[in-house]
Amino acid sequence: MPLAPLPALHVAAEHFRELDRHLLALLKGLTDTEWHQPTAAPRRRVKDAALRVLDGTFRRLSLQRDHYQ
């Protein structure tokens, strides 16, 4: 069975922008206590998980900015 074609890249990019907006809104609303709550991953707190996600976002932005391939 052949795989379905992927959506155009610009369509996928818009979904990621929307996801980033929701994530940032959620993170802005966290209290200090919520930032330090444990996650399902052993020894990880909410702040650790957020930093991991944001690291990928900032890394991608800087790679695009610097035209790195």
C-alpha atoms as a PDB file:
ATOM      1  CA  MET A   1       0.000   0.000   0.000  1.00  0.00           C
ATOM      2  CA  PRO A   2       1.568   3.333  -1.028  1.00  0.00           C
ATOM      3  CA  LEU A   3       1.976   6.059   1.550  1.00  0.00           C
ATOM      4  CA  ALA A   4      -0.148   9.179   1.313  1.00  0.00           C
ATOM      5  CA  PRO A   5       1.756  12.257   0.124  1.00  0.00           C
ATOM      6  CA  LEU A   6       2.925  14.663   2.788  1.00  0.00           C
ATOM      7  CA  PRO A   7       1.221  18.068   3.009  1.00  0.00           C
ATOM      8  CA  ALA A   8       3.069  21.025   1.590  1.00  0.00           C
ATOM      9  CA  LEU A   9       5.821  22.245   3.891  1.00  0.00           C
ATOM     10  CA  HIS A  10       4.216  25.662   4.388  1.00  0.00           C
ATOM     11  CA  VAL A  11       1.033  23.959   5.642  1.00  0.00           C
ATOM     12  CA  ALA A  12       2.983  21.912   8.184  1.00  0.00           C
ATOM     13  CA  ALA A  13       4.965  25.001   9.246  1.00  0.00           C
ATOM     14  CA  GLU A  14       1.746  26.865  10.071  1.00  0.00           C
ATOM     15  CA  HIS A  15       0.691  24.029  12.385  1.00  0.00           C
ATOM     16  CA  PHE A  16       4.012  24.286  14.223  1.00  0.00           C
ATOM     17  CA  ARG A  17       3.626  28.069  14.589  1.00  0.00           C
ATOM     18  CA  GLU A  18       0.186  27.535  16.091  1.00  0.00           C
ATOM     19  CA  LEU A  19       1.525  24.844  18.411  1.00  0.00           C
ATOM     20  CA  ASP A  20       4.339  27.182  19.528  1.00  0.00           C
ATOM     21  CA  ARG A  21       1.808  29.929  20.316  1.00  0.00           C
ATOM     22  CA  HIS A  22      -0.193  27.546  22.500  1.00  0.00           C
ATOM     23  CA  LEU A  23       2.916  26.236  24.229  1.00  0.00           C
ATOM     24  CA  LEU A  24       4.198  29.730  25.033  1.00  0.00           C
ATOM     25  CA  ALA A  25       0.787  30.773  26.362  1.00  0.00           C
ATOM     26  CA  LEU A  26       0.755  27.716  28.613  1.00  0.00           C
ATOM     27  CA  LEU A  27       4.299  28.298  29.860  1.00  0.00           C
ATOM     28  CA  LYS A  28       3.651  31.989  30.571  1.00  0.00           C
ATOM     29  CA  GLY A  29       0.765  30.998  32.832  1.00  0.00           C
ATOM     30  CA  LEU A  30       2.718  28.579  35.032  1.00  0.00           C
ATOM     31  CA  THR A  31       3.363  29.446  38.654  1.00  0.00           C
ATOM     32  CA  ASP A  32       6.739  28.870  40.314  1.00  0.00           C
ATOM     33  CA  THR A  33       5.295  25.790  41.971  1.00  0.00           C
ATOM     34  CA  GLU A  34       4.057  24.399  38.641  1.00  0.00           C
ATOM     35  CA  TRP A  35       7.460  24.958  37.008  1.00  0.00           C
ATOM     36  CA  HIS A  36       9.018  22.665  39.605  1.00  0.00           C
ATOM     37  CA  GLN A  37       6.422  19.880  39.459  1.00  0.00           C
ATOM     38  CA  PRO A  38       7.708  16.425  38.449  1.00  0.00           C
ATOM     39  CA  THR A  39       6.872  14.958  35.052  1.00  0.00           C
ATOM     40  CA  ALA A  40       6.336  11.342  33.987  1.00  0.00           C
ATOM     41  CA  ALA A  41      10.083  11.148  33.260  1.00  0.00           C
ATOM     42  CA  PRO A  42      12.124  10.245  36.319  1.00  0.00           C
ATOM     43  CA  ARG A  43      14.141  13.141  37.765  1.00  0.00           C
ATOM     44  CA  ARG A  44      12.632  15.667  35.324  1.00  0.00           C
ATOM     45  CA  ARG A  45      10.616  18.740  36.246  1.00  0.00           C
ATOM     46  CA  VAL A  46       8.271  20.774  34.059  1.00  0.00           C
ATOM     47  CA  LYS A  47      11.024  23.357  33.532  1.00  0.00           C
ATOM     48  CA  ASP A  48      13.355  20.638  32.209  1.00  0.00           C
ATOM     49  CA  ALA A  49      10.775  19.453  29.681  1.00  0.00           C
ATOM     50  CA  ALA A  50      10.027  23.028  28.575  1.00  0.00           C
ATOM     51  CA  LEU A  51      13.718  23.796  28.119  1.00  0.00           C
ATOM     52  CA  ARG A  52      14.151  20.662  26.024  1.00  0.00           C
ATOM     53  CA  VAL A  53      11.316  21.669  23.673  1.00  0.00           C
ATOM     54  CA  LEU A  54      12.401  25.302  23.468  1.00  0.00           C
ATOM     55  CA  ASP A  55      16.009  24.296  22.787  1.00  0.00           C
ATOM     56  CA  GLY A  56      14.897  22.634  19.568  1.00  0.00           C
ATOM     57  CA  THR A  57      12.899  25.700  18.544  1.00  0.00           C
ATOM     58  CA  PHE A  58      15.744  28.139  19.189  1.00  0.00           C
ATOM     59  CA  ARG A  59      18.278  25.840  17.565  1.00  0.00           C
ATOM     60  CA  ARG A  60      16.124  25.656  14.411  1.00  0.00           C
ATOM     61  CA  LEU A  61      15.704  29.446  14.345  1.00  0.00           C
ATOM     62  CA  SER A  62      19.421  30.112  14.669  1.00  0.00           C
ATOM     63  CA  LEU A  63      20.274  27.533  11.999  1.00  0.00           C
ATOM     64  CA  GLN A  64      17.822  29.189   9.612  1.00  0.00           C
ATOM     65  CA  ARG A  65      19.089  32.663  10.525  1.00  0.00           C
ATOM     66  CA  ASP A  66      22.695  31.657   9.868  1.00  0.00           C
ATOM     67  CA  HIS A  67      21.801  29.715   6.685  1.00  0.00           C
ATOM     68  CA  TYR A  68      23.558  26.667   8.101  1.00  0.00           C
ATOM     69  CA  GLN A  69      23.145  23.435   6.158  1.00  0.00           C
END
